[in-house]
PDB file of all heavy atoms in Angstrom:
ATOM      1  N   ILE A   1     -76.347  22.484 117.871  1.00  0.00           N
ATOM      2  CA  ILE A   1     -75.256  22.963 118.702  1.00  0.00           C
ATOM      3  C   ILE A   1     -73.956  22.211 118.473  1.00  0.00           C
ATOM      4  O   ILE A   1     -72.864  22.727 118.693  1.00  0.00           O
ATOM      5  CB  ILE A   1     -75.665  22.901 120.204  1.00  0.00           C
ATOM      6  CG1 ILE A   1     -74.657  23.645 121.062  1.00  0.00           C
ATOM      7  CG2 ILE A   1     -75.839  21.455 120.658  1.00  0.00           C
ATOM      8  CD1 ILE A   1     -75.092  23.806 122.497  1.00  0.00           C
ATOM      9  N   TYR A   2     -74.026  20.953 118.010  1.00  0.00           N
ATOM     10  CA  TYR A   2     -72.813  20.156 117.845  1.00  0.00           C
ATOM     11  C   TYR A   2     -72.289  20.154 116.409  1.00  0.00           C
ATOM     12  O   TYR A   2     -71.316  19.452 116.112  1.00  0.00           O
ATOM     13  CB  TYR A   2     -73.071  18.712 118.287  1.00  0.00           C
ATOM     14  CG  TYR A   2     -73.644  18.601 119.679  1.00  0.00           C
ATOM     15  CD1 TYR A   2     -74.926  18.078 119.892  1.00  0.00           C
ATOM     16  CD2 TYR A   2     -72.933  19.058 120.784  1.00  0.00           C
ATOM     17  CE1 TYR A   2     -75.470  17.993 121.162  1.00  0.00           C
ATOM     18  CE2 TYR A   2     -73.466  18.985 122.068  1.00  0.00           C
ATOM     19  CZ  TYR A   2     -74.740  18.457 122.244  1.00  0.00           C
ATOM     20  OH  TYR A   2     -75.272  18.387 123.506  1.00  0.00           O
ATOM     21  N   ALA A   3     -72.904  20.915 115.523  1.00  0.00           N
ATOM     22  CA  ALA A   3     -72.458  20.952 114.127  1.00  0.00           C
ATOM     23  C   ALA A   3     -71.053  21.542 114.036  1.00  0.00           C
ATOM     24  O   ALA A   3     -70.677  22.415 114.817  1.00  0.00           O
ATOM     25  CB  ALA A   3     -73.430  21.779 113.289  1.00  0.00           C
ATOM     26  N   GLY A   4     -70.277  21.054 113.068  1.00  0.00           N
ATOM     27  CA  GLY A   4     -68.952  21.604 112.837  1.00  0.00           C
ATOM     28  C   GLY A   4     -67.882  20.539 112.782  1.00  0.00           C
ATOM     29  O   GLY A   4     -68.162  19.338 112.692  1.00  0.00           O
ATOM     30  N   LEU A   5     -66.623  20.989 112.825  1.00  0.00           N
ATOM     31  CA  LEU A   5     -65.466  20.096 112.700  1.00  0.00           C
ATOM     32  C   LEU A   5     -64.947  19.730 114.087  1.00  0.00           C
ATOM     33  O   LEU A   5     -64.713  20.605 114.931  1.00  0.00           O
ATOM     34  CB  LEU A   5     -64.364  20.779 111.885  1.00  0.00           C
ATOM     35  CG  LEU A   5     -63.116  19.933 111.610  1.00  0.00           C
ATOM     36  CD1 LEU A   5     -63.456  18.771 110.672  1.00  0.00           C
ATOM     37  CD2 LEU A   5     -62.002  20.790 111.011  1.00  0.00           C
ATOM     38  N   TRP A   6     -64.740  18.437 114.312  1.00  0.00           N
ATOM     39  CA  TRP A   6     -64.228  17.924 115.576  1.00  0.00           C
ATOM     40  C   TRP A   6     -63.038  17.028 115.290  1.00  0.00           C
ATOM     41  O   TRP A   6     -62.936  16.406 114.240  1.00  0.00           O
ATOM     42  CB  TRP A   6     -65.305  17.132 116.317  1.00  0.00           C
ATOM     43  CG  TRP A   6     -66.498  17.945 116.727  1.00  0.00           C
ATOM     44  CD1 TRP A   6     -67.480  18.450 115.917  1.00  0.00           C
ATOM     45  CD2 TRP A   6     -66.831  18.362 118.051  1.00  0.00           C
ATOM     46  NE1 TRP A   6     -68.395  19.148 116.648  1.00  0.00           N
ATOM     47  CE2 TRP A   6     -68.041  19.107 117.974  1.00  0.00           C
ATOM     48  CE3 TRP A   6     -66.252  18.169 119.306  1.00  0.00           C
ATOM     49  CZ2 TRP A   6     -68.644  19.665 119.092  1.00  0.00           C
ATOM     50  CZ3 TRP A   6     -66.859  18.722 120.428  1.00  0.00           C
ATOM     51  CH2 TRP A   6     -68.040  19.464 120.316  1.00  0.00           C
ATOM     52  N   GLY A   7     -62.126  16.952 116.267  1.00  0.00           N
ATOM     53  CA  GLY A   7     -60.962  16.092 116.133  1.00  0.00           C
ATOM     54  C   GLY A   7     -60.741  15.291 117.395  1.00  0.00           C
ATOM     55  O   GLY A   7     -61.114  15.721 118.491  1.00  0.00           O
ATOM     56  N   GLY A   8     -60.130  14.131 117.259  1.00  0.00           N
ATOM     57  CA  GLY A   8     -59.871  13.323 118.434  1.00  0.00           C
ATOM     58  C   GLY A   8     -59.240  12.000 118.096  1.00  0.00           C
ATOM     59  O   GLY A   8     -58.816  11.746 116.960  1.00  0.00           O
ATOM     60  N   THR A   9     -59.169  11.130 119.101  1.00  0.00           N
ATOM     61  CA  THR A   9     -58.555   9.821 118.960  1.00  0.00           C
ATOM     62  C   THR A   9     -59.368   8.787 119.731  1.00  0.00           C
ATOM     63  O   THR A   9     -60.258   9.134 120.508  1.00  0.00           O
ATOM     64  CB  THR A   9     -57.126   9.818 119.531  1.00  0.00           C
ATOM     65  OG1 THR A   9     -57.189  10.180 120.921  1.00  0.00           O
ATOM     66  CG2 THR A   9     -56.238  10.791 118.794  1.00  0.00           C
ATOM     67  N   PHE A  10     -59.028   7.531 119.512  1.00  0.00           N
ATOM     68  CA  PHE A  10     -59.617   6.466 120.308  1.00  0.00           C
ATOM     69  C   PHE A  10     -58.879   6.367 121.637  1.00  0.00           C
ATOM     70  O   PHE A  10     -57.668   6.557 121.711  1.00  0.00           O
ATOM     71  CB  PHE A  10     -59.541   5.130 119.565  1.00  0.00           C
ATOM     72  CG  PHE A  10     -60.611   4.982 118.525  1.00  0.00           C
ATOM     73  CD1 PHE A  10     -60.396   5.397 117.212  1.00  0.00           C
ATOM     74  CD2 PHE A  10     -61.833   4.435 118.858  1.00  0.00           C
ATOM     75  CE1 PHE A  10     -61.378   5.247 116.249  1.00  0.00           C
ATOM     76  CE2 PHE A  10     -62.835   4.286 117.901  1.00  0.00           C
ATOM     77  CZ  PHE A  10     -62.604   4.697 116.603  1.00  0.00           C
ATOM     78  N   GLY A  11     -59.620   6.051 122.667  1.00  0.00           N
ATOM     79  CA  GLY A  11     -59.038   5.852 123.986  1.00  0.00           C
ATOM     80  C   GLY A  11     -59.579   6.831 125.002  1.00  0.00           C
ATOM     81  O   GLY A  11     -60.010   7.943 124.670  1.00  0.00           O
ATOM     82  N   TRP A  12     -59.603   6.403 126.234  1.00  0.00           N
ATOM     83  CA  TRP A  12     -59.995   7.252 127.354  1.00  0.00           C
ATOM     84  C   TRP A  12     -58.933   7.118 128.422  1.00  0.00           C
ATOM     85  O   TRP A  12     -58.390   6.042 128.615  1.00  0.00           O
ATOM     86  CB  TRP A  12     -61.378   6.812 127.906  1.00  0.00           C
ATOM     87  CG  TRP A  12     -61.866   7.693 129.019  1.00  0.00           C
ATOM     88  CD1 TRP A  12     -61.668   7.531 130.360  1.00  0.00           C
ATOM     89  CD2 TRP A  12     -62.593   8.907 128.878  1.00  0.00           C
ATOM     90  NE1 TRP A  12     -62.218   8.562 131.067  1.00  0.00           N
ATOM     91  CE2 TRP A  12     -62.800   9.425 130.173  1.00  0.00           C
ATOM     92  CE3 TRP A  12     -63.081   9.619 127.779  1.00  0.00           C
ATOM     93  CZ2 TRP A  12     -63.493  10.616 130.408  1.00  0.00           C
ATOM     94  CZ3 TRP A  12     -63.761  10.792 128.013  1.00  0.00           C
ATOM     95  CH2 TRP A  12     -63.964  11.277 129.310  1.00  0.00           C
ATOM     96  N   PRO A  13     -58.556   8.222 129.086  1.00  0.00           N
ATOM     97  CA  PRO A  13     -59.163   9.553 129.154  1.00  0.00           C
ATOM     98  C   PRO A  13     -58.672  10.476 128.044  1.00  0.00           C
ATOM     99  O   PRO A  13     -57.722  10.143 127.344  1.00  0.00           O
ATOM    100  CB  PRO A  13     -58.704  10.061 130.528  1.00  0.00           C
ATOM    101  CG  PRO A  13     -57.367   9.417 130.706  1.00  0.00           C
ATOM    102  CD  PRO A  13     -57.481   8.050 130.088  1.00  0.00           C
ATOM    103  N   PRO A  14     -59.309  11.653 127.908  1.00  0.00           N
ATOM    104  CA  PRO A  14     -58.981  12.567 126.807  1.00  0.00           C
ATOM    105  C   PRO A  14     -57.916  13.588 127.145  1.00  0.00           C
ATOM    106  O   PRO A  14     -57.853  14.626 126.520  1.00  0.00           O
ATOM    107  CB  PRO A  14     -60.315  13.266 126.564  1.00  0.00           C
ATOM    108  CG  PRO A  14     -60.932  13.345 127.918  1.00  0.00           C
ATOM    109  CD  PRO A  14     -60.522  12.096 128.645  1.00  0.00           C
ATOM    110  N   GLY A  15     -57.056  13.368 128.126  1.00  0.00           N
ATOM    111  CA  GLY A  15     -56.074  14.370 128.530  1.00  0.00           C
ATOM    112  C   GLY A  15     -55.094  14.707 127.428  1.00  0.00           C
ATOM    113  O   GLY A  15     -54.628  13.819 126.699  1.00  0.00           O
ATOM    114  N   ASN A  16     -54.723  15.989 127.292  1.00  0.00           N
ATOM    115  CA  ASN A  16     -53.817  16.429 126.244  1.00  0.00           C
ATOM    116  C   ASN A  16     -52.433  15.814 126.370  1.00  0.00           C
ATOM    117  O   ASN A  16     -51.740  15.595 125.392  1.00  0.00           O
ATOM    118  CB  ASN A  16     -53.697  17.961 126.267  1.00  0.00           C
ATOM    119  CG  ASN A  16     -54.903  18.635 125.662  1.00  0.00           C
ATOM    120  OD1 ASN A  16     -55.710  17.982 125.003  1.00  0.00           O
ATOM    121  ND2 ASN A  16     -55.041  19.925 125.882  1.00  0.00           N
ATOM    122  N   HIS A  17     -51.983  15.559 127.599  1.00  0.00           N
ATOM    123  CA  HIS A  17     -50.630  15.060 127.811  1.00  0.00           C
ATOM    124  C   HIS A  17     -50.623  13.583 128.175  1.00  0.00           C
ATOM    125  O   HIS A  17     -49.677  13.084 128.744  1.00  0.00           O
ATOM    126  CB  HIS A  17     -49.952  15.860 128.927  1.00  0.00           C
ATOM    127  CG  HIS A  17     -49.847  17.318 128.624  1.00  0.00           C
ATOM    128  ND1 HIS A  17     -48.799  17.849 127.912  1.00  0.00           N
ATOM    129  CD2 HIS A  17     -50.672  18.350 128.901  1.00  0.00           C
ATOM    130  CE1 HIS A  17     -48.963  19.163 127.792  1.00  0.00           C
ATOM    131  NE2 HIS A  17     -50.087  19.482 128.374  1.00  0.00           N
ATOM    132  N   SER A  18     -51.693  12.886 127.848  1.00  0.00           N
ATOM    133  CA  SER A  18     -51.821  11.490 128.236  1.00  0.00           C
ATOM    134  C   SER A  18     -50.853  10.616 127.444  1.00  0.00           C
ATOM    135  O   SER A  18     -50.870  10.600 126.218  1.00  0.00           O
ATOM    136  CB  SER A  18     -53.256  11.009 128.003  1.00  0.00           C
ATOM    137  OG  SER A  18     -53.337   9.619 128.210  1.00  0.00           O
ATOM    138  N   GLU A  19     -49.971   9.905 128.146  1.00  0.00           N
ATOM    139  CA  GLU A  19     -49.071   8.971 127.477  1.00  0.00           C
ATOM    140  C   GLU A  19     -49.857   7.849 126.805  1.00  0.00           C
ATOM    141  O   GLU A  19     -49.403   7.251 125.840  1.00  0.00           O
ATOM    142  CB  GLU A  19     -48.098   8.381 128.505  1.00  0.00           C
ATOM    143  CG  GLU A  19     -47.072   9.379 129.035  1.00  0.00           C
ATOM    144  CD  GLU A  19     -46.115   9.847 127.950  1.00  0.00           C
ATOM    145  OE1 GLU A  19     -45.860   9.062 127.015  1.00  0.00           O
ATOM    146  OE2 GLU A  19     -45.641  10.987 128.026  1.00  0.00           O
ATOM    147  N   ASP A  20     -51.048   7.578 127.325  1.00  0.00           N
ATOM    148  CA  ASP A  20     -51.880   6.519 126.769  1.00  0.00           C
ATOM    149  C   ASP A  20     -52.280   6.801 125.327  1.00  0.00           C
ATOM    150  O   ASP A  20     -52.567   5.893 124.566  1.00  0.00           O
ATOM    151  CB  ASP A  20     -53.136   6.343 127.636  1.00  0.00           C
ATOM    152  CG  ASP A  20     -54.061   5.269 127.087  1.00  0.00           C
ATOM    153  OD1 ASP A  20     -53.614   4.113 127.013  1.00  0.00           O
ATOM    154  OD2 ASP A  20     -55.203   5.603 126.733  1.00  0.00           O
ATOM    155  N   LYS A  21     -52.268   8.102 124.971  1.00  0.00           N
ATOM    156  CA  LYS A  21     -52.743   8.458 123.628  1.00  0.00           C
ATOM    157  C   LYS A  21     -51.611   8.674 122.635  1.00  0.00           C
ATOM    158  O   LYS A  21     -51.861   8.932 121.468  1.00  0.00           O
ATOM    159  CB  LYS A  21     -53.593   9.727 123.720  1.00  0.00           C
ATOM    160  CG  LYS A  21     -54.965   9.459 124.292  1.00  0.00           C
ATOM    161  CD  LYS A  21     -55.922  10.505 123.809  1.00  0.00           C
ATOM    162  CE  LYS A  21     -57.341  10.035 124.037  1.00  0.00           C
ATOM    163  NZ  LYS A  21     -58.308  10.950 123.469  1.00  0.00           N
ATOM    164  N   LEU A  22     -50.348   8.638 123.082  1.00  0.00           N
ATOM    165  CA  LEU A  22     -49.256   8.811 122.139  1.00  0.00           C
ATOM    166  C   LEU A  22     -49.279   7.690 121.104  1.00  0.00           C
ATOM    167  O   LEU A  22     -49.427   6.509 121.441  1.00  0.00           O
ATOM    168  CB  LEU A  22     -47.915   8.811 122.875  1.00  0.00           C
ATOM    169  CG  LEU A  22     -47.640  10.034 123.755  1.00  0.00           C
ATOM    170  CD1 LEU A  22     -46.279   9.910 124.401  1.00  0.00           C
ATOM    171  CD2 LEU A  22     -47.727  11.303 122.941  1.00  0.00           C
ATOM    172  N   GLY A  23     -49.105   8.061 119.829  1.00  0.00           N
ATOM    173  CA  GLY A  23     -49.140   7.077 118.763  1.00  0.00           C
ATOM    174  C   GLY A  23     -50.527   6.718 118.294  1.00  0.00           C
ATOM    175  O   GLY A  23     -50.681   5.898 117.395  1.00  0.00           O
ATOM    176  N   LYS A  24     -51.558   7.337 118.856  1.00  0.00           N
ATOM    177  CA  LYS A  24     -52.923   7.074 118.418  1.00  0.00           C
ATOM    178  C   LYS A  24     -53.226   7.865 117.144  1.00  0.00           C
ATOM    179  O   LYS A  24     -52.777   9.004 116.977  1.00  0.00           O
ATOM    180  CB  LYS A  24     -53.918   7.477 119.509  1.00  0.00           C
ATOM    181  CG  LYS A  24     -53.838   6.632 120.776  1.00  0.00           C
ATOM    182  CD  LYS A  24     -54.474   5.270 120.564  1.00  0.00           C
ATOM    183  CE  LYS A  24     -54.553   4.499 121.873  1.00  0.00           C
ATOM    184  NZ  LYS A  24     -55.216   3.200 121.707  1.00  0.00           N
ATOM    185  N   ALA A  25     -53.995   7.261 116.255  1.00  0.00           N
ATOM    186  CA  ALA A  25     -54.358   7.932 115.007  1.00  0.00           C
ATOM    187  C   ALA A  25     -55.247   9.133 115.296  1.00  0.00           C
ATOM    188  O   ALA A  25     -56.178   9.053 116.096  1.00  0.00           O
ATOM    189  CB  ALA A  25     -55.078   6.955 114.087  1.00  0.00           C
ATOM    190  N   LEU A  26     -54.947  10.241 114.641  1.00  0.00           N
ATOM    191  CA  LEU A  26     -55.742  11.464 114.786  1.00  0.00           C
ATOM    192  C   LEU A  26     -56.868  11.451 113.751  1.00  0.00           C
ATOM    193  O   LEU A  26     -56.613  11.315 112.552  1.00  0.00           O
ATOM    194  CB  LEU A  26     -54.855  12.692 114.598  1.00  0.00           C
ATOM    195  CG  LEU A  26     -55.534  14.055 114.675  1.00  0.00           C
ATOM    196  CD1 LEU A  26     -56.184  14.267 116.033  1.00  0.00           C
ATOM    197  CD2 LEU A  26     -54.536  15.174 114.382  1.00  0.00           C
ATOM    198  N   PHE A  27     -58.099  11.600 114.205  1.00  0.00           N
ATOM    199  CA  PHE A  27     -59.273  11.622 113.327  1.00  0.00           C
ATOM    200  C   PHE A  27     -59.866  13.027 113.293  1.00  0.00           C
ATOM    201  O   PHE A  27     -59.910  13.712 114.313  1.00  0.00           O
ATOM    202  CB  PHE A  27     -60.350  10.655 113.841  1.00  0.00           C
ATOM    203  CG  PHE A  27     -60.075   9.213 113.558  1.00  0.00           C
ATOM    204  CD1 PHE A  27     -59.215   8.483 114.361  1.00  0.00           C
ATOM    205  CD2 PHE A  27     -60.682   8.572 112.495  1.00  0.00           C
ATOM    206  CE1 PHE A  27     -58.960   7.151 114.107  1.00  0.00           C
ATOM    207  CE2 PHE A  27     -60.437   7.232 112.230  1.00  0.00           C
ATOM    208  CZ  PHE A  27     -59.572   6.520 113.038  1.00  0.00           C
ATOM    209  N   PHE A  28     -60.318  13.447 112.099  1.00  0.00           N
ATOM    210  CA  PHE A  28     -61.143  14.646 111.953  1.00  0.00           C
ATOM    211  C   PHE A  28     -62.531  14.183 111.519  1.00  0.00           C
ATOM    212  O   PHE A  28     -62.668  13.439 110.540  1.00  0.00           O
ATOM    213  CB  PHE A  28     -60.580  15.594 110.897  1.00  0.00           C
ATOM    214  CG  PHE A  28     -59.393  16.392 111.352  1.00  0.00           C
ATOM    215  CD1 PHE A  28     -58.832  16.208 112.605  1.00  0.00           C
ATOM    216  CD2 PHE A  28     -58.821  17.341 110.514  1.00  0.00           C
ATOM    217  CE1 PHE A  28     -57.733  16.935 113.017  1.00  0.00           C
ATOM    218  CE2 PHE A  28     -57.724  18.075 110.917  1.00  0.00           C
ATOM    219  CZ  PHE A  28     -57.172  17.869 112.165  1.00  0.00           C
ATOM    220  N   LEU A  29     -63.551  14.627 112.241  1.00  0.00           N
ATOM    221  CA  LEU A  29     -64.925  14.264 111.917  1.00  0.00           C
ATOM    222  C   LEU A  29     -65.754  15.520 111.702  1.00  0.00           C
ATOM    223  O   LEU A  29     -65.596  16.506 112.428  1.00  0.00           O
ATOM    224  CB  LEU A  29     -65.552  13.440 113.051  1.00  0.00           C
ATOM    225  CG  LEU A  29     -64.825  12.177 113.501  1.00  0.00           C
ATOM    226  CD1 LEU A  29     -65.614  11.471 114.605  1.00  0.00           C
ATOM    227  CD2 LEU A  29     -64.589  11.234 112.339  1.00  0.00           C
ATOM    228  N   LEU A  30     -66.614  15.476 110.705  1.00  0.00           N
ATOM    229  CA  LEU A  30     -67.551  16.558 110.444  1.00  0.00           C
ATOM    230  C   LEU A  30     -68.912  16.148 110.983  1.00  0.00           C
ATOM    231  O   LEU A  30     -69.503  15.172 110.513  1.00  0.00           O
ATOM    232  CB  LEU A  30     -67.632  16.847 108.945  1.00  0.00           C
ATOM    233  CG  LEU A  30     -68.442  18.076 108.539  1.00  0.00           C
ATOM    234  CD1 LEU A  30     -67.748  19.345 109.003  1.00  0.00           C
ATOM    235  CD2 LEU A  30     -68.642  18.117 107.032  1.00  0.00           C
ATOM    236  N   LEU A  31     -69.406  16.865 111.976  1.00  0.00           N
ATOM    237  CA  LEU A  31     -70.693  16.539 112.588  1.00  0.00           C
ATOM    238  C   LEU A  31     -71.787  17.377 111.936  1.00  0.00           C
ATOM    239  O   LEU A  31     -71.673  18.600 111.820  1.00  0.00           O
ATOM    240  CB  LEU A  31     -70.659  16.792 114.100  1.00  0.00           C
ATOM    241  CG  LEU A  31     -70.223  15.586 114.968  1.00  0.00           C
ATOM    242  CD1 LEU A  31     -68.824  15.122 114.587  1.00  0.00           C
ATOM    243  CD2 LEU A  31     -70.301  15.923 116.442  1.00  0.00           C
ATOM    244  N   SER A  32     -72.839  16.702 111.486  1.00  0.00           N
ATOM    245  CA  SER A  32     -73.956  17.372 110.828  1.00  0.00           C
ATOM    246  C   SER A  32     -75.261  16.712 111.258  1.00  0.00           C
ATOM    247  O   SER A  32     -75.271  15.616 111.842  1.00  0.00           O
ATOM    248  CB  SER A  32     -73.802  17.305 109.302  1.00  0.00           C
ATOM    249  OG  SER A  32     -73.722  15.951 108.866  1.00  0.00           O
ATOM    250  N   TYR A  33     -76.361  17.375 110.955  1.00  0.00           N
ATOM    251  CA  TYR A  33     -77.678  16.911 111.389  1.00  0.00           C
ATOM    252  C   TYR A  33     -78.502  16.451 110.185  1.00  0.00           C
ATOM    253  O   TYR A  33     -78.414  17.038 109.100  1.00  0.00           O
ATOM    254  CB  TYR A  33     -78.427  18.027 112.122  1.00  0.00           C
ATOM    255  CG  TYR A  33     -77.880  18.323 113.497  1.00  0.00           C
ATOM    256  CD1 TYR A  33     -76.727  19.070 113.668  1.00  0.00           C
ATOM    257  CD2 TYR A  33     -78.524  17.857 114.639  1.00  0.00           C
ATOM    258  CE1 TYR A  33     -76.217  19.342 114.927  1.00  0.00           C
ATOM    259  CE2 TYR A  33     -78.036  18.127 115.906  1.00  0.00           C
ATOM    260  CZ  TYR A  33     -76.882  18.866 116.045  1.00  0.00           C
ATOM    261  OH  TYR A  33     -76.382  19.133 117.303  1.00  0.00           O
ATOM    262  N   GLU A  34     -79.290  15.404 110.397  1.00  0.00           N
ATOM    263  CA  GLU A  34     -80.209  14.909 109.383  1.00  0.00           C
ATOM    264  C   GLU A  34     -81.553  14.595 110.034  1.00  0.00           C
ATOM    265  O   GLU A  34     -81.607  14.236 111.217  1.00  0.00           O
ATOM    266  CB  GLU A  34     -79.667  13.637 108.715  1.00  0.00           C
ATOM    267  CG  GLU A  34     -78.472  13.848 107.823  1.00  0.00           C
ATOM    268  CD  GLU A  34     -78.049  12.568 107.123  1.00  0.00           C
ATOM    269  OE1 GLU A  34     -78.774  11.555 107.279  1.00  0.00           O
ATOM    270  OE2 GLU A  34     -77.024  12.575 106.423  1.00  0.00           O
ATOM    271  N   GLU A  35     -82.611  14.729 109.251  1.00  0.00           N
ATOM    272  CA  GLU A  35     -83.946  14.342 109.702  1.00  0.00           C
ATOM    273  C   GLU A  35     -84.286  12.995 109.083  1.00  0.00           C
ATOM    274  O   GLU A  35     -84.125  12.790 107.877  1.00  0.00           O
ATOM    275  CB  GLU A  35     -84.980  15.383 109.270  1.00  0.00           C
ATOM    276  CG  GLU A  35     -84.810  16.746 109.927  1.00  0.00           C
ATOM    277  CD  GLU A  35     -85.227  16.749 111.391  1.00  0.00           C
ATOM    278  OE1 GLU A  35     -86.017  15.868 111.779  1.00  0.00           O
ATOM    279  OE2 GLU A  35     -84.752  17.628 112.136  1.00  0.00           O
ATOM    280  N   SER A  36     -84.748  12.058 109.913  1.00  0.00           N
ATOM    281  CA  SER A  36     -85.125  10.738 109.424  1.00  0.00           C
ATOM    282  C   SER A  36     -86.308  10.224 110.228  1.00  0.00           C
ATOM    283  O   SER A  36     -86.202  10.026 111.446  1.00  0.00           O
ATOM    284  CB  SER A  36     -83.941   9.768 109.546  1.00  0.00           C
ATOM    285  OG  SER A  36     -84.307   8.468 109.139  1.00  0.00           O
TER     286      SER A  36
END
């Protein structure tokens, strides 16, 4: 269910207009599943 492309930054909370997140690096992560 979580497979696919996700984006985000470091820091909490995740609000779109959060001043706390201005200037934070934007990350793109590819989520995939493995059996181990």
